[in-house]
Structures are given as structure tokens and as C-alpha cells.
Protein backbone atom coordinates (compact mmCIF):
# COMPACT_ATOMS: atom_id res chain seq x y z
CA UNK A 1 -17.80 17.67 -10.24
CA UNK A 2 -14.53 19.55 -10.81
CA UNK A 3 -11.21 18.02 -9.79
CA UNK A 4 -8.53 20.26 -8.33
CA UNK A 5 -5.54 17.96 -7.77
CA UNK A 6 -6.81 15.62 -5.01
CA UNK A 7 -9.73 17.88 -4.05
CA UNK A 8 -13.17 17.40 -5.59
CA UNK A 9 -15.67 20.27 -5.78
CA UNK A 10 -19.27 19.16 -6.26
CA UNK A 11 -22.29 21.21 -7.30
CA UNK A 12 -25.79 19.67 -7.14
CA UNK A 13 -28.62 21.67 -8.70
CA UNK A 14 -31.57 19.28 -9.03
CA UNK A 15 -33.77 17.38 -6.60
CA UNK A 16 -33.06 14.02 -8.25
CA UNK A 17 -29.32 14.36 -7.74
CA UNK A 18 -29.74 15.93 -4.31
CA UNK A 19 -31.58 12.84 -3.10
CA UNK A 20 -28.56 10.80 -4.20
CA UNK A 21 -25.89 12.96 -2.59
CA UNK A 22 -24.61 10.23 -0.26
CA UNK A 23 -24.40 7.73 -3.11
CA UNK A 24 -22.53 10.27 -5.27
CA UNK A 25 -20.04 10.90 -2.47
CA UNK A 26 -19.45 7.16 -2.03
CA UNK A 27 -18.85 6.69 -5.76
CA UNK A 28 -16.42 9.63 -5.88
CA UNK A 29 -14.50 8.28 -2.89
CA UNK A 30 -14.16 4.89 -4.57
CA UNK A 31 -13.24 6.29 -7.99
CA UNK A 32 -10.75 9.01 -6.96
CA UNK A 33 -9.62 8.34 -3.35
CA UNK A 34 -9.72 12.12 -2.79
CA UNK A 35 -8.32 14.06 0.14
CA UNK A 36 -11.45 16.20 0.17
CA UNK A 37 -14.92 16.45 -1.31
CA UNK A 38 -16.41 19.92 -0.93
CA UNK A 39 -19.95 20.90 -1.90
CA UNK A 40 -20.62 24.22 -3.66
CA UNK A 41 -24.37 24.03 -4.12
CA UNK A 42 -24.73 27.64 -2.97
CA UNK A 43 -26.67 28.53 -6.12
CA UNK A 44 -29.97 30.43 -6.23
CA UNK A 45 -31.37 28.21 -9.01
CA UNK A 46 -31.79 25.37 -6.45
CA UNK A 47 -34.87 27.24 -5.21
CA UNK A 48 -36.63 26.22 -8.45
CA UNK A 49 -36.27 22.62 -7.27
CA UNK A 50 -37.49 23.47 -3.78
CA UNK A 51 -33.98 23.11 -2.38
CA UNK A 52 -32.03 25.39 -0.02
CA UNK A 53 -28.54 26.54 -0.92
CA UNK A 54 -25.80 24.32 0.52
CA UNK A 55 -22.07 24.70 1.00
CA UNK A 56 -19.63 22.70 3.07
CA UNK A 57 -17.34 19.75 3.55
CA UNK A 58 -18.74 16.37 2.50
CA UNK A 59 -15.64 14.26 3.06
CA UNK A 60 -12.03 14.53 4.20
CA UNK A 61 -10.16 17.71 5.05
CA UNK A 62 -9.99 20.92 3.02
CA UNK A 63 -6.53 22.31 2.28
CA UNK A 64 -7.08 26.07 2.43
CA UNK A 65 -3.69 26.56 0.76
CA UNK A 66 -4.64 24.36 -2.19
CA UNK A 67 -2.76 25.05 -5.42
CA UNK A 68 -3.02 23.51 -8.88
CA UNK A 69 -0.90 23.72 -12.01
CA UNK A 70 -2.57 24.96 -15.20
CA UNK A 71 -0.68 25.73 -18.42
CA UNK A 72 2.55 25.58 -16.43
CA UNK A 73 1.30 28.19 -13.93
CA UNK A 74 0.75 27.77 -10.19
CA UNK A 75 -2.73 28.82 -9.11
CA UNK A 76 -4.14 29.10 -5.60
CA UNK A 77 -7.74 27.86 -5.57
CA UNK A 78 -10.39 28.96 -3.09
CA UNK A 79 -12.87 26.06 -3.02
CA UNK A 80 -14.90 27.68 -0.25
CA UNK A 81 -15.57 31.09 -1.75
CA UNK A 82 -14.33 31.12 -5.34
CA UNK A 83 -16.96 31.50 -8.06
CA UNK A 84 -18.81 28.39 -9.26
CA UNK A 85 -16.82 25.41 -7.92
CA UNK A 86 -13.74 27.49 -7.13
CA UNK A 87 -12.37 28.34 -10.58
CA UNK A 88 -13.40 28.27 -14.25
CA UNK A 89 -11.64 25.19 -15.61
CA UNK A 90 -13.51 25.35 -18.92
CA UNK A 91 -11.37 28.26 -20.18
CA UNK A 92 -8.03 26.45 -19.83
CA UNK A 93 -7.19 26.16 -23.55
CA UNK A 94 -8.43 29.67 -24.33
CA UNK A 95 -6.31 31.11 -21.54
CA UNK A 96 -3.30 29.34 -23.03
CA UNK A 97 -4.04 30.96 -26.40
CA UNK A 98 -3.53 34.41 -24.85
CA UNK A 99 0.19 33.71 -24.50
CA UNK A 100 0.57 33.76 -28.30
CA UNK A 101 -0.48 37.41 -28.48
CA UNK A 102 0.88 38.83 -25.23
CA UNK A 103 4.59 39.45 -25.78
CA UNK A 104 5.51 43.09 -25.21
CA UNK A 105 1.89 44.25 -25.05
CA UNK A 106 -0.04 46.19 -22.44
CA UNK A 107 -3.03 44.08 -21.44
CA UNK A 108 -6.49 44.82 -20.03
CA UNK A 109 -8.23 41.85 -18.38
CA UNK A 110 -11.90 42.72 -17.76
CA UNK A 111 -14.03 40.67 -15.33
CA UNK A 112 -10.70 39.06 -14.42
CA UNK A 113 -11.99 36.80 -11.63
CA UNK A 114 -8.89 35.09 -10.15
CA UNK A 115 -6.59 36.26 -12.93
CA UNK A 116 -6.26 33.22 -15.18
CA UNK A 117 -6.03 35.29 -18.36
CA UNK A 118 -3.74 37.83 -16.70
CA UNK A 119 -1.31 35.14 -15.59
CA UNK A 120 -1.20 33.55 -19.03
CA UNK A 121 -0.58 36.98 -20.55
CA UNK A 122 2.28 37.49 -18.10
CA UNK A 123 3.68 34.09 -19.02
CA UNK A 124 3.54 35.16 -22.65
CA UNK A 125 5.71 38.20 -21.94
CA UNK A 126 3.19 41.02 -21.54
CA UNK A 127 4.92 44.15 -20.30
CA UNK A 128 1.98 45.52 -18.27
CA UNK A 129 -1.35 43.99 -17.20
CA UNK A 130 -4.38 45.63 -15.60
CA UNK A 131 -6.82 43.12 -14.06
CA UNK A 132 -10.24 44.60 -13.36
CA UNK A 133 -13.05 43.12 -11.25
CA UNK A 134 -15.65 44.38 -8.80
CA UNK A 135 -14.85 41.56 -6.33
CA UNK A 136 -12.21 42.36 -3.72
CA UNK A 137 -11.78 38.67 -2.86
CA UNK A 138 -11.15 37.81 -6.53
CA UNK A 139 -8.52 40.53 -6.79
CA UNK A 140 -6.78 39.24 -3.66
CA UNK A 141 -6.51 35.88 -5.46
CA UNK A 142 -5.06 37.64 -8.53
CA UNK A 143 -2.36 39.22 -6.39
CA UNK A 144 -1.66 35.92 -4.64
CA UNK A 145 -1.40 34.03 -7.93
CA UNK A 146 0.81 36.68 -9.51
CA UNK A 147 3.15 36.45 -6.52
CA UNK A 148 3.20 32.65 -6.64
CA UNK A 149 4.49 32.85 -10.22
CA UNK A 150 6.88 35.77 -9.70
CA UNK A 151 4.97 38.14 -11.99
CA UNK A 152 5.42 41.81 -11.10
CA UNK A 153 3.71 43.35 -14.14
CA UNK A 154 0.19 42.48 -12.96
CA UNK A 155 -1.74 45.24 -11.22
CA UNK A 156 -5.35 45.05 -10.03
CA UNK A 157 -8.18 47.56 -10.22
CA UNK A 158 -11.35 47.21 -8.12
CA UNK A 159 -14.07 48.72 -10.25
CA UNK A 160 -17.42 48.22 -11.88
CA UNK A 161 -16.28 47.17 -15.36
CA UNK A 162 -19.04 49.12 -17.13
CA UNK A 163 -18.04 52.35 -15.38
CA UNK A 164 -14.35 51.56 -15.87
CA UNK A 165 -14.84 51.22 -19.64
CA UNK A 166 -16.57 54.60 -19.84
CA UNK A 167 -13.80 56.26 -17.82
CA UNK A 168 -11.02 54.72 -19.90
CA UNK A 169 -12.70 55.84 -23.12
CA UNK A 170 -13.06 59.37 -21.77
CA UNK A 171 -9.37 59.34 -20.84
CA UNK A 172 -8.53 58.11 -24.38
CA UNK A 173 -6.50 55.19 -23.05
CA UNK A 174 -5.55 52.37 -25.40
CA UNK A 175 -4.61 48.74 -24.86
CA UNK A 176 -2.82 46.34 -27.18
CA UNK A 177 -4.51 43.20 -25.83
CA UNK A 178 -7.94 43.11 -24.20
CA UNK A 179 -9.72 40.14 -22.62
CA UNK A 180 -13.46 40.57 -22.09
CA UNK A 181 -14.92 37.59 -20.20
CA UNK A 182 -18.15 38.78 -18.54
CA UNK A 183 -20.71 36.75 -16.61
CA UNK A 184 -23.67 35.48 -18.61
CA UNK A 185 -25.84 38.45 -19.54
CA UNK A 186 -28.68 36.14 -20.52
CA UNK A 187 -29.58 33.00 -18.57
CA UNK A 188 -32.95 32.21 -20.13
CA UNK A 189 -34.60 32.32 -23.53
CA UNK A 190 -36.83 35.24 -22.56
CA UNK A 191 -33.87 37.50 -21.63
CA UNK A 192 -31.86 37.07 -24.85
CA UNK A 193 -32.84 40.49 -26.18
CA UNK A 194 -31.67 42.28 -23.02
CA UNK A 195 -28.57 40.09 -22.81
CA UNK A 196 -27.68 40.87 -26.41
CA UNK A 197 -27.77 44.59 -25.60
CA UNK A 198 -25.43 43.99 -22.65
CA UNK A 199 -22.89 42.16 -24.80
CA UNK A 200 -23.23 44.76 -27.56
CA UNK A 201 -22.63 47.75 -25.30
CA UNK A 202 -19.70 46.16 -23.47
CA UNK A 203 -18.00 44.94 -26.64
CA UNK A 204 -18.41 48.29 -28.39
CA UNK A 205 -16.88 50.07 -25.39
CA UNK A 206 -13.98 47.60 -25.21
CA UNK A 207 -13.27 47.81 -28.95
CA UNK A 208 -12.99 51.58 -28.60
CA UNK A 209 -10.01 51.03 -26.27
CA UNK A 210 -8.15 48.77 -28.71
CA UNK A 211 -4.97 50.20 -30.23
CA UNK A 212 -4.07 49.79 -33.90
CA UNK A 213 -3.12 46.17 -34.51
CA UNK A 214 -4.44 45.28 -31.07
CA UNK A 215 -6.08 41.95 -30.24
CA UNK A 216 -9.25 41.31 -28.25
CA UNK A 217 -10.53 38.05 -26.76
CA UNK A 218 -14.29 38.40 -26.27
CA UNK A 219 -16.27 35.67 -24.50
CA UNK A 220 -19.81 34.59 -23.71
CA UNK A 221 -20.70 31.79 -21.29
CA UNK A 222 -24.43 31.85 -22.08
CA UNK A 223 -25.86 28.92 -24.04
CA UNK A 224 -28.60 31.24 -25.30
CA UNK A 225 -26.01 33.48 -26.96
CA UNK A 226 -25.34 31.15 -29.89
CA UNK A 227 -22.22 31.46 -32.03
CA UNK A 228 -24.13 33.01 -35.00
CA UNK A 229 -25.83 35.49 -32.65
CA UNK A 230 -22.51 36.28 -30.95
CA UNK A 231 -20.81 36.94 -34.30
CA UNK A 232 -23.74 39.17 -35.32
CA UNK A 233 -23.27 41.13 -32.07
CA UNK A 234 -19.55 41.58 -32.77
CA UNK A 235 -20.30 42.88 -36.26
CA UNK A 236 -22.73 45.41 -34.80
CA UNK A 237 -20.31 46.39 -32.01
CA UNK A 238 -17.62 46.98 -34.65
CA UNK A 239 -19.95 49.35 -36.51
CA UNK A 240 -21.00 51.21 -33.36
CA UNK A 241 -17.40 51.71 -32.18
CA UNK A 242 -16.18 52.45 -35.73
CA UNK A 243 -13.43 49.90 -35.22
CA UNK A 244 -12.82 47.47 -38.07
CA UNK A 245 -11.74 44.03 -36.88
CA UNK A 246 -10.55 40.76 -38.37
CA UNK A 247 -11.56 37.39 -36.93
CA UNK A 248 -8.47 35.38 -35.95
CA UNK A 249 -9.78 32.44 -33.89
CA UNK A 250 -12.95 30.95 -32.41
CA UNK A 251 -12.79 28.82 -29.25
CA UNK A 252 -15.33 26.80 -27.29
CA UNK A 253 -15.23 25.21 -23.85
CA UNK A 254 -12.39 22.86 -22.93
CA UNK A 255 -12.51 19.21 -24.12
CA UNK A 256 -13.42 17.96 -20.65
CA UNK A 257 -16.61 20.05 -20.93
CA UNK A 258 -17.47 18.60 -24.35
CA UNK A 259 -20.89 19.14 -25.91
CA UNK A 260 -22.76 16.27 -27.56
CA UNK A 261 -23.47 16.81 -31.25
CA UNK A 262 -27.11 17.81 -31.64
CA UNK A 263 -27.32 19.32 -28.14
CA UNK A 264 -26.86 22.94 -29.13
CA UNK A 265 -27.62 24.20 -25.63
CA UNK A 266 -24.54 22.37 -24.34
CA UNK A 267 -22.30 24.55 -26.52
CA UNK A 268 -22.44 27.33 -23.97
CA UNK A 269 -18.95 28.85 -23.99
CA UNK A 270 -17.54 30.66 -26.96
CA UNK A 271 -14.58 33.02 -27.38
CA UNK A 272 -13.79 35.02 -30.49
CA UNK A 273 -10.32 36.45 -31.03
CA UNK A 274 -10.30 39.70 -33.00
CA UNK A 275 -7.59 41.99 -34.37
CA UNK A 276 -8.09 45.67 -35.10
CA UNK A 277 -7.64 46.09 -38.85
């Protein structure tokens, strides 16, 4: 369950929890007195539990103009159609870290979703931001959120990120700050090898666009892409792109998505901050 102000967004993926949906709703009503509880169980993995996909209002009334405040920014949230439960709350602290590197830089935000990284870069004083995603609805949210915060330096580009990277490299364009936050390229243990190749190719292409002294935030949200494996991939991507980099920071998911010690598979989100040497 993710909490967006007084709206709760619930995702149920297993049969055991699905059988207890009504009880869960009652508990959430008692604990939070929400204005709305909205279900976003429109996930294909439910089929493994013999469950159909579900989406819809469970309680109250949905505010379609819902906004939240994150890192001092106003964000419009689409609970109905936004990815996952409406937004990726687990990147809050990492998005805030972008502001430390953004001042005066031109920024490339790849797989931008609703523009969280772009907005934090704008808050940090970036002079120009290009937010790239294949989803038209996500880009509409980027534009809406930029307008809500009075940012005029954010522009959007509807494109397949993989093709976009090839085109930018061919055009010899450079960026001083790059954020690479792709979807999980590997979602099971038997696809790690293919997923690794996806991360490697994308990171090598992005590093090739980094200007001298430039900074790149590179992320993985797959629990199967462990931190040691992710760092190995970055080392290999650096060699392929012939771009030497220094490691500045390593981030994990936000504290409200904490992983129990000993449960390595719960440490799913990692972000490495690099600087071109």
C-alpha cells in the first residue's frame, strides 16, 4: 500500500491476500481514515496465482486532480493509470540527490516516467532538461508537473530510449548530467544473463553521451541484479564506451521500503552515481 496524501493505492498480487481484500480495506479505513482507497492490481503476475487483473475504487472518492509534495515539489499523481501504484515513491531520496549536481548543467532524463528526476534537476538549477520516455501519458504528466512548479527548462521527447541513445551518439551530442532509470531488465533468476546484457548496452551508450566532468545516475530496480553484479556491469560498460568514471555515491530504496538484513532479494533498488574522470 502506498500513501499519497489522503489517498491509498493498494496492489494485491497473491491469492492469500486477495482472499482478505475486504479485511485489508477495513483495516486501512480504521488506521488512516482515507478519502480514497484505490486498487491497482492490474499486474500480469497475478495470473500465476490464478487471479484476474483488477483495477478500481475500493472505498471513498478518487480526486483526479490529486497532488502531493515531494522534496518541496508539487507533483500531480495519476492513481488510475500511472505506473505501479501511481508513482515510484521508493526513489524519493535519490531524486533529491540529483539537485546537488544539477546547477547550470544540461540534463538528460532517460525512462523519465512522470518526471521526478527532471523536476529535482530543475529545482537544483539545471539550465536545460530533456525528459525521454516512450509513454505519451507519462510525458503529459511531466509537462503538467513542470508547469505546476513553474519550470520552463524541461522539454519532453517521446521516443524509444534505445533508439534515442543511438541517434544521440551518432549526432555526437553530450550531456553534463544523465539519469538512467530503466524498467527491470531481469525479473527472474533465469533471465539474469539477458538482463545483464540489457543494462550493459544501455549504460555503455549513455556513458558515451557524458561530457567531461559530467555525472550519471544509473539505476536498477531488479532484485536479481545485485550490487556486486551491477558494479561489475558498470566497469564493463566503462571499458566498452572507453569512458573512465569515478564512483561518487551508491543509493538504495527509500527508508520506507527498507530491506531486512539477511533478505538479499529485498534489496532490489540500487543507484550508482558516477563522474566522468
